[in-house]
């Protein structure tokens, strides 16, 4: 935030992608993924293995880039995001409301999507790792990383992982199922292979594929959650010490906390990006903005918002989040909460900027972080919604029918909007961060706390850089809140809430029978998968 104008002159925006989902609030149906080996599989050639690695990366970029599926399960099911129905918009047969309310069923479209996508990815990685395949050591490193990641995602969301031994098992037999410590051991084994075979990267490299740092990051994430997955109930000190060592190894590659928070989310070199998905940031931008927030891409989709209680975790005025485009913050807010600017940035021909018809940098009237209150156009004129009312985003979600709190019948301005990737930086740049150093840094601090250490100095170092007041001491709640402030909408909120025992707590619009219901910490196995593989057992409560 200290030099927000850097956002308008660092990189050339990519052309808008035709066919991006601007006419629909949801993705197309996910194609079911076959979990069986191809008939006659006897290994892949070296060329085929290399090609399959590329294809897997391209697919997982797509899985991560959409606002549905994995992103929806990990953010919309939490206190950080919700998608209210506004008239006929975002109704979608209730699939968005069900996630936030914790009322999903085994037939939920996005639950099935995550199951199909990541299980299919795991099997394709196993084909590369099959000893009959002529895969290079680097291809094996990437396949091991991707299989470890896919197995982790299925374990984290479903608690049981179909896993096929491509060499020893009957190719027509149903896959076996890994749970608990067996699944964790498989993931760690894969990640150790990845660390041994992947290339080293330094901070600032173009980390569009996994490196040793990415594999170490993911291993630290698995170890931090191990006591959740194996049911032991408390973190093991040896695991926490290894988390610290893994993060130290990442630091030794030159990764460090970045001084300008929102610059991290601009394509290009920085000190934090361990691994990013080469996927369009368009969904992250437009799913939250109003139809008239910007002229780019035909306007926003007017959906995703946050709860006021989540916004209130940040320092600053509860009802206003103003700032100037030179980075001056006007409402006492910390840098990570962002700001709503009063206008756009005049176009001066700087490299990487696009000019609108009024001589203003396209998209530069859109703010960063949390958008609340009156929004303004490129020339400073107050924007209006489609009914001619002030485009003034509110803290509350109120039904336009009876004025009561509701997830249905909302108008166009209810809810604080959340945006990290900004249209001024190129509305569809292929750059969404998957792993970054601040998360690793906070994992290290948490490992210290869980093994009896005091991470207060570490947390205060981060808070000072982010323009927040230091804390006297750091408790588990402080650490969870700090992760919320630093990592909002980056796909980790559900995982964090479960690890800190708060995923089943009460928040606005959650159904009463879901409050305190531990069964909701895992999603149901999709109904059709129970029929296809009798080795699977439906999770409790479904």
Protein backbone atom coordinates (compact mmCIF):
# COMPACT_ATOMS: atom_id res chain seq x y z
CA UNK A 1 0.00 0.00 0.00
CA UNK A 2 2.97 2.27 0.55
CA UNK A 3 3.21 2.88 -3.18
CA UNK A 4 -0.04 1.82 -4.74
CA UNK A 5 0.79 3.59 -7.99
CA UNK A 6 3.22 0.76 -8.74
CA UNK A 7 0.14 -1.27 -9.59
CA UNK A 8 -0.46 0.87 -12.65
CA UNK A 9 2.96 0.75 -14.26
CA UNK A 10 4.65 -2.56 -13.57
CA UNK A 11 3.29 -5.02 -16.10
CA UNK A 12 1.51 -5.09 -19.40
CA UNK A 13 -2.04 -6.31 -18.97
CA UNK A 14 -2.91 -9.40 -20.98
CA UNK A 15 -5.78 -9.17 -23.48
CA UNK A 16 -9.19 -10.01 -22.14
CA UNK A 17 -9.98 -13.67 -22.50
CA UNK A 18 -12.96 -14.46 -24.66
CA UNK A 19 -15.44 -16.78 -23.10
CA UNK A 20 -14.70 -15.96 -19.46
CA UNK A 21 -17.74 -16.58 -17.33
CA UNK A 22 -19.35 -13.15 -17.52
CA UNK A 23 -22.79 -14.36 -18.47
CA UNK A 24 -23.24 -16.89 -15.69
CA UNK A 25 -22.74 -17.00 -11.97
CA UNK A 26 -21.57 -20.61 -11.96
CA UNK A 27 -19.34 -22.88 -14.00
CA UNK A 28 -20.46 -25.59 -16.34
CA UNK A 29 -21.03 -29.07 -14.97
CA UNK A 30 -17.83 -30.95 -14.12
CA UNK A 31 -17.11 -33.98 -16.26
CA UNK A 32 -16.87 -37.15 -14.13
CA UNK A 33 -13.33 -38.45 -13.83
CA UNK A 34 -12.63 -42.14 -14.45
CA UNK A 35 -10.63 -43.61 -11.55
CA UNK A 36 -9.53 -46.69 -13.49
CA UNK A 37 -6.33 -47.18 -15.44
CA UNK A 38 -6.57 -47.24 -19.21
CA UNK A 39 -6.91 -50.71 -20.70
CA UNK A 40 -3.52 -52.26 -21.28
CA UNK A 41 -1.58 -49.61 -19.35
CA UNK A 42 2.09 -50.63 -19.22
CA UNK A 43 3.81 -47.34 -18.44
CA UNK A 44 4.44 -44.03 -20.18
CA UNK A 45 7.28 -43.04 -22.46
CA UNK A 46 9.59 -40.22 -21.39
CA UNK A 47 7.87 -37.86 -23.81
CA UNK A 48 4.42 -38.91 -22.65
CA UNK A 49 5.39 -38.41 -19.00
CA UNK A 50 6.68 -34.90 -19.70
CA UNK A 51 3.54 -34.08 -21.66
CA UNK A 52 1.33 -35.43 -18.88
CA UNK A 53 3.10 -33.26 -16.29
CA UNK A 54 2.29 -30.18 -18.40
CA UNK A 55 -1.32 -31.28 -18.81
CA UNK A 56 -1.71 -31.86 -15.07
CA UNK A 57 -0.41 -28.40 -14.23
CA UNK A 58 -2.76 -26.85 -16.77
CA UNK A 59 -5.69 -28.74 -15.27
CA UNK A 60 -4.93 -27.88 -11.67
CA UNK A 61 -4.54 -24.21 -12.62
CA UNK A 62 -8.09 -24.40 -13.88
CA UNK A 63 -9.27 -26.20 -10.75
CA UNK A 64 -7.78 -23.47 -8.60
CA UNK A 65 -8.79 -20.50 -10.76
CA UNK A 66 -12.56 -20.88 -10.67
CA UNK A 67 -14.75 -19.32 -7.98
CA UNK A 68 -16.55 -22.65 -7.63
CA UNK A 69 -15.44 -26.13 -6.43
CA UNK A 70 -12.31 -26.03 -4.23
CA UNK A 71 -12.37 -22.26 -3.67
CA UNK A 72 -16.05 -22.35 -2.75
CA UNK A 73 -15.62 -25.27 -0.34
CA UNK A 74 -12.67 -23.68 1.43
CA UNK A 75 -13.91 -20.07 1.65
CA UNK A 76 -17.71 -19.84 1.21
CA UNK A 77 -18.22 -22.46 3.95
CA UNK A 78 -16.51 -20.10 6.42
CA UNK A 79 -17.12 -16.73 8.04
CA UNK A 80 -14.92 -15.06 5.42
CA UNK A 81 -17.19 -15.27 2.38
CA UNK A 82 -20.84 -15.71 1.53
CA UNK A 83 -22.88 -15.34 -1.65
CA UNK A 84 -26.31 -13.83 -0.97
CA UNK A 85 -29.10 -14.21 -3.50
CA UNK A 86 -29.88 -10.82 -5.03
CA UNK A 87 -33.23 -11.04 -6.79
CA UNK A 88 -32.71 -13.79 -9.35
CA UNK A 89 -28.92 -13.48 -9.24
CA UNK A 90 -26.83 -16.11 -7.45
CA UNK A 91 -29.85 -18.25 -6.62
CA UNK A 92 -28.47 -21.28 -8.50
CA UNK A 93 -30.85 -23.65 -6.71
CA UNK A 94 -29.32 -22.71 -3.38
CA UNK A 95 -25.85 -24.17 -3.93
CA UNK A 96 -24.06 -21.06 -2.65
CA UNK A 97 -26.34 -20.56 0.36
CA UNK A 98 -26.00 -24.24 1.34
CA UNK A 99 -22.22 -23.89 1.61
CA UNK A 100 -22.33 -20.92 3.96
CA UNK A 101 -25.21 -22.38 5.98
CA UNK A 102 -23.52 -25.82 6.25
CA UNK A 103 -26.62 -27.48 4.81
CA UNK A 104 -24.95 -29.20 1.85
CA UNK A 105 -25.82 -32.75 0.80
CA UNK A 106 -23.87 -35.59 -0.90
CA UNK A 107 -25.33 -34.43 -4.23
CA UNK A 108 -23.85 -30.92 -4.03
CA UNK A 109 -22.33 -29.99 -7.39
CA UNK A 110 -19.13 -28.45 -6.03
CA UNK A 111 -18.45 -31.30 -3.61
CA UNK A 112 -18.65 -33.73 -6.52
CA UNK A 113 -16.46 -31.41 -8.60
CA UNK A 114 -13.64 -31.37 -6.04
CA UNK A 115 -13.82 -35.15 -5.60
CA UNK A 116 -13.65 -35.84 -9.33
CA UNK A 117 -10.98 -33.30 -10.20
CA UNK A 118 -8.38 -34.05 -7.54
CA UNK A 119 -8.85 -37.82 -7.45
CA UNK A 120 -8.41 -37.92 -11.21
CA UNK A 121 -5.25 -35.82 -10.92
CA UNK A 122 -3.84 -38.21 -8.34
CA UNK A 123 -4.29 -41.23 -10.62
CA UNK A 124 -2.62 -39.48 -13.57
CA UNK A 125 0.35 -38.62 -11.36
CA UNK A 126 0.58 -42.28 -10.33
CA UNK A 127 0.89 -43.28 -13.99
CA UNK A 128 4.02 -41.13 -14.28
CA UNK A 129 5.44 -42.58 -11.06
CA UNK A 130 4.79 -46.17 -12.13
CA UNK A 131 8.20 -47.89 -12.44
CA UNK A 132 7.19 -49.08 -15.90
CA UNK A 133 7.09 -45.46 -17.05
CA UNK A 134 10.26 -43.93 -18.52
CA UNK A 135 9.91 -40.71 -16.54
CA UNK A 136 12.80 -38.35 -15.86
CA UNK A 137 13.72 -37.54 -12.28
CA UNK A 138 12.24 -34.05 -12.65
CA UNK A 139 8.98 -35.46 -14.09
CA UNK A 140 8.88 -37.81 -11.11
CA UNK A 141 9.43 -34.83 -8.83
CA UNK A 142 6.51 -32.92 -10.33
CA UNK A 143 4.28 -36.01 -10.34
CA UNK A 144 5.15 -36.74 -6.71
CA UNK A 145 4.33 -33.16 -5.75
CA UNK A 146 1.03 -33.14 -7.64
CA UNK A 147 0.01 -36.53 -6.23
CA UNK A 148 0.89 -35.33 -2.74
CA UNK A 149 -1.14 -32.16 -3.27
CA UNK A 150 -4.14 -34.01 -4.70
CA UNK A 151 -4.07 -36.58 -1.89
CA UNK A 152 -3.81 -33.77 0.67
CA UNK A 153 -6.82 -31.94 -0.78
CA UNK A 154 -9.00 -35.06 -0.79
CA UNK A 155 -7.89 -35.99 2.75
CA UNK A 156 -8.46 -32.46 4.04
CA UNK A 157 -11.95 -32.20 2.58
CA UNK A 158 -13.23 -35.77 2.78
CA UNK A 159 -11.08 -37.65 5.32
CA UNK A 160 -10.58 -40.69 3.04
CA UNK A 161 -8.67 -41.04 -0.19
CA UNK A 162 -9.18 -43.66 -2.92
CA UNK A 163 -5.65 -44.74 -3.84
CA UNK A 164 -4.70 -47.16 -6.59
CA UNK A 165 -1.40 -49.06 -6.71
CA UNK A 166 -0.91 -48.90 -10.47
CA UNK A 167 1.67 -51.72 -10.44
CA UNK A 168 0.44 -54.33 -7.97
CA UNK A 169 -3.33 -53.95 -7.94
CA UNK A 170 -5.74 -55.43 -10.45
CA UNK A 171 -6.39 -52.53 -12.85
CA UNK A 172 -10.10 -53.40 -12.85
CA UNK A 173 -10.38 -53.64 -9.05
CA UNK A 174 -11.83 -50.86 -6.94
CA UNK A 175 -9.17 -48.57 -5.47
CA UNK A 176 -8.21 -49.08 -1.84
CA UNK A 177 -8.87 -46.25 0.60
CA UNK A 178 -6.33 -44.36 2.72
CA UNK A 179 -7.41 -42.64 5.93
CA UNK A 180 -5.74 -40.97 8.89
CA UNK A 181 -2.06 -41.66 9.45
CA UNK A 182 -1.82 -43.95 6.40
CA UNK A 183 -2.90 -41.08 4.15
CA UNK A 184 -0.55 -38.65 5.89
CA UNK A 185 2.38 -41.06 5.48
CA UNK A 186 1.64 -41.41 1.76
CA UNK A 187 1.56 -37.65 1.29
CA UNK A 188 4.80 -37.13 3.20
CA UNK A 189 6.50 -39.88 1.21
CA UNK A 190 5.47 -38.20 -2.04
CA UNK A 191 6.61 -34.79 -0.85
CA UNK A 192 9.99 -36.13 0.25
CA UNK A 193 10.42 -37.53 -3.26
CA UNK A 194 9.39 -34.16 -4.67
CA UNK A 195 11.90 -32.29 -2.49
CA UNK A 196 14.66 -34.59 -3.70
CA UNK A 197 13.82 -34.24 -7.40
CA UNK A 198 12.37 -30.77 -7.96
CA UNK A 199 14.56 -27.79 -8.85
CA UNK A 200 15.50 -25.12 -6.34
CA UNK A 201 13.95 -21.69 -6.74
CA UNK A 202 14.97 -18.36 -5.31
CA UNK A 203 12.64 -15.61 -4.20
CA UNK A 204 11.64 -13.60 -7.24
CA UNK A 205 11.82 -16.51 -9.69
CA UNK A 206 8.86 -17.17 -11.97
CA UNK A 207 7.46 -20.00 -9.85
CA UNK A 208 4.70 -21.19 -12.15
CA UNK A 209 5.58 -24.81 -11.34
CA UNK A 210 6.42 -26.45 -8.06
CA UNK A 211 9.95 -26.28 -6.69
CA UNK A 212 11.66 -27.57 -3.56
CA UNK A 213 10.26 -24.57 -1.69
CA UNK A 214 6.69 -25.44 -2.74
CA UNK A 215 7.12 -29.08 -1.66
CA UNK A 216 8.56 -27.96 1.70
CA UNK A 217 5.67 -25.54 2.16
CA UNK A 218 3.11 -28.29 1.51
CA UNK A 219 4.89 -30.73 3.79
CA UNK A 220 4.85 -28.12 6.55
CA UNK A 221 1.12 -27.66 5.96
CA UNK A 222 0.51 -31.41 6.26
CA UNK A 223 2.58 -31.72 9.44
CA UNK A 224 0.81 -28.74 11.01
CA UNK A 225 -2.53 -30.50 10.43
CA UNK A 226 -1.37 -34.05 11.14
CA UNK A 227 -3.04 -34.24 14.56
CA UNK A 228 -6.35 -33.37 12.88
CA UNK A 229 -5.99 -36.02 10.20
CA UNK A 230 -4.83 -38.88 12.45
CA UNK A 231 -7.20 -37.98 15.30
CA UNK A 232 -4.50 -37.70 17.96
CA UNK A 233 -5.97 -34.40 19.15
CA UNK A 234 -2.73 -32.50 19.80
CA UNK A 235 0.26 -31.48 17.74
CA UNK A 236 3.41 -33.57 18.14
CA UNK A 237 6.50 -31.55 19.12
CA UNK A 238 8.66 -33.41 16.60
CA UNK A 239 6.25 -32.46 13.81
CA UNK A 240 6.26 -28.83 14.94
CA UNK A 241 10.06 -28.77 15.00
CA UNK A 242 10.08 -30.11 11.46
CA UNK A 243 7.62 -27.40 10.37
CA UNK A 244 10.06 -24.81 11.70
CA UNK A 245 12.98 -26.46 9.88
CA UNK A 246 11.03 -26.63 6.62
CA UNK A 247 10.15 -22.94 6.79
CA UNK A 248 13.75 -22.09 7.64
CA UNK A 249 14.81 -23.93 4.47
CA UNK A 250 12.35 -21.81 2.48
CA UNK A 251 13.79 -18.68 4.07
CA UNK A 252 17.27 -19.82 3.06
CA UNK A 253 16.16 -19.59 -0.58
CA UNK A 254 15.68 -15.84 -0.05
CA UNK A 255 11.95 -15.68 0.64
CA UNK A 256 10.93 -12.91 3.03
CA UNK A 257 7.98 -10.75 4.00
CA UNK A 258 7.11 -8.19 1.34
CA UNK A 259 6.87 -4.54 2.32
CA UNK A 260 3.89 -3.64 0.09
CA UNK A 261 0.96 -5.98 0.70
CA UNK A 262 -1.15 -5.59 -2.42
CA UNK A 263 1.91 -5.56 -4.69
CA UNK A 264 2.24 -9.27 -3.87
CA UNK A 265 -0.86 -9.96 -5.96
CA UNK A 266 0.41 -8.22 -9.09
CA UNK A 267 2.06 -10.47 -11.70
CA UNK A 268 5.81 -10.29 -11.57
CA UNK A 269 8.73 -10.63 -9.23
CA UNK A 270 8.30 -10.42 -5.46
CA UNK A 271 9.81 -11.97 -2.33
CA UNK A 272 6.72 -13.94 -1.27
CA UNK A 273 5.35 -16.00 -4.16
CA UNK A 274 6.43 -19.61 -3.67
CA UNK A 275 4.05 -20.98 -6.30
CA UNK A 276 1.31 -19.38 -8.36
CA UNK A 277 -1.36 -20.78 -10.63
CA UNK A 278 -1.22 -19.64 -14.23
CA UNK A 279 -4.97 -19.04 -14.12
CA UNK A 280 -6.99 -15.95 -14.87
CA UNK A 281 -7.61 -13.68 -11.90
CA UNK A 282 -10.86 -12.57 -13.53
CA UNK A 283 -13.10 -14.68 -11.30
CA UNK A 284 -11.38 -13.33 -8.15
CA UNK A 285 -12.06 -9.78 -9.35
CA UNK A 286 -15.51 -9.88 -10.87
CA UNK A 287 -17.29 -12.31 -8.54
CA UNK A 288 -17.42 -9.57 -5.88
CA UNK A 289 -17.73 -6.29 -7.81
CA UNK A 290 -21.05 -4.65 -8.65
CA UNK A 291 -22.19 -4.56 -12.27
CA UNK A 292 -21.21 -0.88 -12.39
CA UNK A 293 -18.01 -0.97 -10.32
CA UNK A 294 -15.90 -0.85 -13.47
CA UNK A 295 -16.30 -0.65 -17.21
CA UNK A 296 -13.83 -3.51 -17.66
CA UNK A 297 -15.15 -6.92 -18.65
CA UNK A 298 -18.72 -5.66 -18.78
CA UNK A 299 -18.80 -4.97 -15.04
CA UNK A 300 -18.80 -7.25 -12.02
CA UNK A 301 -21.00 -10.23 -11.14
CA UNK A 302 -22.20 -8.74 -7.82
CA UNK A 303 -21.95 -11.81 -5.66
CA UNK A 304 -19.27 -12.62 -3.10
CA UNK A 305 -19.23 -10.59 0.12
CA UNK A 306 -17.95 -10.94 3.67
CA UNK A 307 -19.54 -10.86 7.09
CA UNK A 308 -19.16 -7.69 9.14
CA UNK A 309 -17.64 -9.75 11.97
CA UNK A 310 -14.82 -10.87 9.68
CA UNK A 311 -14.21 -7.30 8.49
CA UNK A 312 -14.06 -6.21 12.14
CA UNK A 313 -10.99 -8.40 12.72
CA UNK A 314 -8.99 -5.58 11.10
CA UNK A 315 -7.96 -2.28 12.64
CA UNK A 316 -9.82 0.80 11.42
CA UNK A 317 -13.19 2.55 11.33
CA UNK A 318 -16.02 0.01 11.39
CA UNK A 319 -18.10 1.91 8.83
CA UNK A 320 -15.56 3.44 6.48
CA UNK A 321 -12.44 2.27 4.66
CA UNK A 322 -11.29 5.25 2.62
CA UNK A 323 -7.90 5.96 1.11
CA UNK A 324 -6.13 7.81 -1.67
CA UNK A 325 -4.54 6.21 -4.71
CA UNK A 326 -1.11 7.35 -3.50
CA UNK A 327 -1.51 4.89 -0.62
CA UNK A 328 -2.64 7.34 2.08
CA UNK A 329 -5.12 5.56 4.36
CA UNK A 330 -7.82 7.79 5.84
CA UNK A 331 -9.78 5.72 8.36
CA UNK A 332 -7.11 4.37 10.71
CA UNK A 333 -7.04 1.03 8.94
CA UNK A 334 -4.11 -1.32 8.70
CA UNK A 335 -2.65 -1.83 5.24
CA UNK A 336 -4.19 -5.28 4.65
CA UNK A 337 -7.74 -3.94 4.98
CA UNK A 338 -7.12 -1.86 1.86
CA UNK A 339 -9.12 1.20 0.89
CA UNK A 340 -11.85 2.68 -1.30
CA UNK A 341 -10.37 5.43 -3.52
CA UNK A 342 -12.26 8.63 -4.41
CA UNK A 343 -11.41 8.37 -8.12
CA UNK A 344 -9.13 6.69 -10.65
CA UNK A 345 -5.52 7.36 -11.59
CA UNK A 346 -4.88 9.71 -14.55
CA UNK A 347 -3.33 7.90 -17.50
CA UNK A 348 0.22 9.06 -18.22
CA UNK A 349 1.37 6.45 -20.71
CA UNK A 350 3.23 4.37 -18.14
CA UNK A 351 4.17 0.91 -19.26
CA UNK A 352 1.51 -1.65 -18.49
CA UNK A 353 -1.43 0.72 -18.12
CA UNK A 354 -4.54 0.93 -20.29
CA UNK A 355 -6.45 4.16 -20.85
CA UNK A 356 -10.22 4.47 -20.74
CA UNK A 357 -12.21 6.99 -22.75
CA UNK A 358 -11.83 9.66 -20.06
CA UNK A 359 -8.03 9.51 -19.84
CA UNK A 360 -8.03 7.42 -16.65
CA UNK A 361 -6.23 4.13 -16.06
CA UNK A 362 -8.80 1.39 -16.63
CA UNK A 363 -10.05 -0.12 -13.37
CA UNK A 364 -8.11 2.26 -11.13
CA UNK A 365 -11.27 3.59 -9.46
CA UNK A 366 -11.74 0.14 -7.86
CA UNK A 367 -10.26 -0.18 -4.40
CA UNK A 368 -8.27 -2.90 -2.66
CA UNK A 369 -9.15 -5.25 0.16
CA UNK A 370 -12.55 -4.50 1.71
CA UNK A 371 -14.97 -2.25 -0.16
CA UNK A 372 -17.55 -0.60 2.12
CA UNK A 373 -19.56 2.58 1.77
CA UNK A 374 -19.91 4.79 -1.29
CA UNK A 375 -18.00 3.71 -4.41
CA UNK A 376 -16.72 6.16 -7.02
CA UNK A 377 -16.19 6.23 -10.77
CA UNK A 378 -12.96 6.99 -12.63
CA UNK A 379 -13.55 10.77 -12.53
CA UNK A 380 -14.74 10.83 -8.93
CA UNK A 381 -18.49 10.83 -9.55
CA UNK A 382 -20.41 8.73 -6.99
CA UNK A 383 -21.51 5.50 -8.63
CA UNK A 384 -25.12 4.32 -8.61
CA UNK A 385 -26.64 0.86 -8.72
CA UNK A 386 -28.92 -0.16 -11.59
CA UNK A 387 -31.93 1.34 -9.83
CA UNK A 388 -30.34 4.76 -9.49
CA UNK A 389 -29.54 4.40 -5.79
CA UNK A 390 -26.07 5.23 -4.39
CA UNK A 391 -23.63 2.34 -4.85
CA UNK A 392 -23.02 2.24 -1.13
CA UNK A 393 -21.96 -1.19 0.13
CA UNK A 394 -23.42 -1.94 3.57
CA UNK A 395 -22.33 -4.13 6.48
CA UNK A 396 -25.69 -5.91 6.72
CA UNK A 397 -27.55 -8.41 4.57
CA UNK A 398 -31.21 -7.46 4.78
CA UNK A 399 -34.17 -8.80 2.87
CA UNK A 400 -35.73 -6.17 0.63
CA UNK A 401 -39.11 -7.78 1.42
CA UNK A 402 -39.27 -7.47 5.22
CA UNK A 403 -35.98 -5.77 6.19
CA UNK A 404 -34.82 -8.75 8.27
CA UNK A 405 -31.36 -10.36 8.04
CA UNK A 406 -31.45 -12.83 5.17
CA UNK A 407 -29.41 -14.61 2.53
CA UNK A 408 -32.26 -14.21 0.03
CA UNK A 409 -34.05 -11.17 -1.40
CA UNK A 410 -30.99 -8.95 -0.96
CA UNK A 411 -30.62 -5.78 -2.98
CA UNK A 412 -27.58 -4.80 -5.06
CA UNK A 413 -25.54 -3.13 -2.31
CA UNK A 414 -25.79 -5.40 0.74
CA UNK A 415 -22.52 -6.79 2.00
CA UNK A 416 -18.91 -5.62 2.21
CA UNK A 417 -17.03 -6.70 -0.91
CA UNK A 418 -13.55 -8.31 -0.87
CA UNK A 419 -10.91 -7.93 -3.58
CA UNK A 420 -7.18 -8.69 -3.62
CA UNK A 421 -6.54 -8.88 -7.36
CA UNK A 422 -7.32 -5.51 -8.89
CA UNK A 423 -8.59 -4.76 -12.41
CA UNK A 424 -6.10 -1.90 -12.77
CA UNK A 425 -3.38 -4.58 -12.99
CA UNK A 426 -5.01 -6.29 -15.95
CA UNK A 427 -8.43 -7.78 -15.42
CA UNK A 428 -7.51 -11.25 -16.63
CA UNK A 429 -3.83 -11.64 -15.86
CA UNK A 430 -2.91 -15.31 -15.47
CA UNK A 431 -1.57 -15.09 -11.95
CA UNK A 432 -3.25 -16.41 -8.78
CA UNK A 433 -1.01 -17.15 -5.81
CA UNK A 434 -1.31 -20.68 -4.47
CA UNK A 435 1.52 -20.79 -1.89
CA UNK A 436 3.22 -17.73 -0.43
CA UNK A 437 5.84 -17.02 2.15
CA UNK A 438 3.66 -15.14 4.68
CA UNK A 439 1.65 -18.34 5.15
CA UNK A 440 4.86 -20.32 5.73
CA UNK A 441 6.01 -17.63 8.17
CA UNK A 442 2.75 -17.91 10.11
CA UNK A 443 2.98 -21.71 10.05
CA UNK A 444 6.38 -21.41 11.71
CA UNK A 445 4.94 -19.06 14.34
CA UNK A 446 2.10 -21.51 15.00
CA UNK A 447 4.51 -24.43 15.28
CA UNK A 448 6.47 -22.45 17.86
CA UNK A 449 3.29 -21.79 19.87
CA UNK A 450 2.12 -25.42 19.67
CA UNK A 451 5.51 -26.67 20.87
CA UNK A 452 5.71 -24.34 23.86
CA UNK A 453 7.51 -21.37 22.30
CA UNK A 454 6.54 -17.70 22.13
CA UNK A 455 5.90 -16.35 18.60
CA UNK A 456 5.00 -12.82 19.75
CA UNK A 457 8.11 -11.23 18.24
CA UNK A 458 7.49 -12.96 14.91
CA UNK A 459 3.86 -11.85 14.79
CA UNK A 460 4.74 -8.29 15.69
CA UNK A 461 7.37 -8.16 12.96
CA UNK A 462 4.67 -9.05 10.44
CA UNK A 463 2.14 -6.64 11.96
CA UNK A 464 4.63 -3.77 11.90
CA UNK A 465 5.30 -4.34 8.21
CA UNK A 466 1.52 -4.38 7.58
CA UNK A 467 0.88 -1.16 9.48
CA UNK A 468 -0.87 -2.78 12.45
CA UNK A 469 -0.24 -2.16 16.15
CA UNK A 470 1.97 -4.71 17.96
CA UNK A 471 0.43 -7.24 20.34
CA UNK A 472 1.53 -7.68 23.96
CA UNK A 473 1.29 -11.46 23.78
CA UNK A 474 0.07 -13.94 21.20
CA UNK A 475 -2.54 -16.59 22.02
CA UNK A 476 -4.00 -19.26 19.74
CA UNK A 477 -6.92 -16.91 19.01
CA UNK A 478 -4.51 -14.11 18.13
CA UNK A 479 -2.69 -16.40 15.74
CA UNK A 480 -5.90 -17.55 14.05
CA UNK A 481 -7.01 -13.94 13.68
CA UNK A 482 -3.63 -12.97 12.24
CA UNK A 483 -3.92 -15.74 9.65
CA UNK A 484 -7.39 -14.38 8.78
CA UNK A 485 -6.04 -10.89 8.26
CA UNK A 486 -3.02 -11.96 6.23
CA UNK A 487 -4.51 -14.77 4.12
CA UNK A 488 -8.16 -13.87 3.52
CA UNK A 489 -9.63 -15.32 0.30
CA UNK A 490 -6.46 -17.32 -0.42
CA UNK A 491 -8.12 -20.69 0.13
CA UNK A 492 -7.04 -21.56 3.69
CA UNK A 493 -9.82 -20.29 5.98
CA UNK A 494 -11.69 -23.61 6.33
CA UNK A 495 -8.45 -25.49 7.03
CA UNK A 496 -7.43 -22.93 9.65
CA UNK A 497 -10.80 -22.87 11.42
CA UNK A 498 -10.83 -26.66 11.71
CA UNK A 499 -7.27 -26.80 13.08
CA UNK A 500 -8.11 -24.15 15.69
CA UNK A 501 -11.43 -25.84 16.60
CA UNK A 502 -13.68 -23.04 15.32
CA UNK A 503 -15.19 -24.31 12.06
CA UNK A 504 -18.41 -25.35 13.82
CA UNK A 505 -18.86 -22.06 15.71
CA UNK A 506 -21.91 -19.87 15.16
CA UNK A 507 -21.86 -17.15 12.52
CA UNK A 508 -24.56 -15.26 10.66
CA UNK A 509 -26.86 -17.47 8.57
CA UNK A 510 -25.37 -20.81 9.64
CA UNK A 511 -28.16 -23.32 10.28
CA UNK A 512 -28.86 -24.09 13.93
CA UNK A 513 -28.23 -27.83 13.63
CA UNK A 514 -24.81 -27.16 12.08
CA UNK A 515 -23.55 -25.13 15.06
CA UNK A 516 -21.26 -27.35 17.12
CA UNK A 517 -21.78 -30.24 14.68
CA UNK A 518 -18.36 -31.86 14.20
CA UNK A 519 -19.70 -33.98 11.34
CA UNK A 520 -19.62 -30.87 9.14
CA UNK A 521 -15.81 -30.73 9.36
CA UNK A 522 -15.74 -33.25 6.51
CA UNK A 523 -17.77 -33.13 3.33
CA UNK A 524 -19.85 -36.15 2.33
CA UNK A 525 -18.51 -38.71 -0.10
CA UNK A 526 -20.51 -38.05 -3.29
CA UNK A 527 -23.40 -40.49 -3.45
CA UNK A 528 -22.47 -41.97 -6.82
CA UNK A 529 -18.93 -42.71 -5.62
CA UNK A 530 -20.20 -44.93 -2.81
CA UNK A 531 -21.87 -47.07 -5.46
CA UNK A 532 -18.81 -47.12 -7.72
CA UNK A 533 -16.34 -48.01 -4.94
CA UNK A 534 -17.67 -50.12 -2.03
CA UNK A 535 -14.36 -49.59 -0.19
CA UNK A 536 -15.57 -46.08 0.63
CA UNK A 537 -17.73 -45.46 3.69
CA UNK A 538 -19.99 -42.43 3.95
CA UNK A 539 -18.77 -39.87 6.49
CA UNK A 540 -20.78 -39.54 9.72
CA UNK A 541 -23.82 -37.31 9.59
CA UNK A 542 -24.74 -37.83 5.95
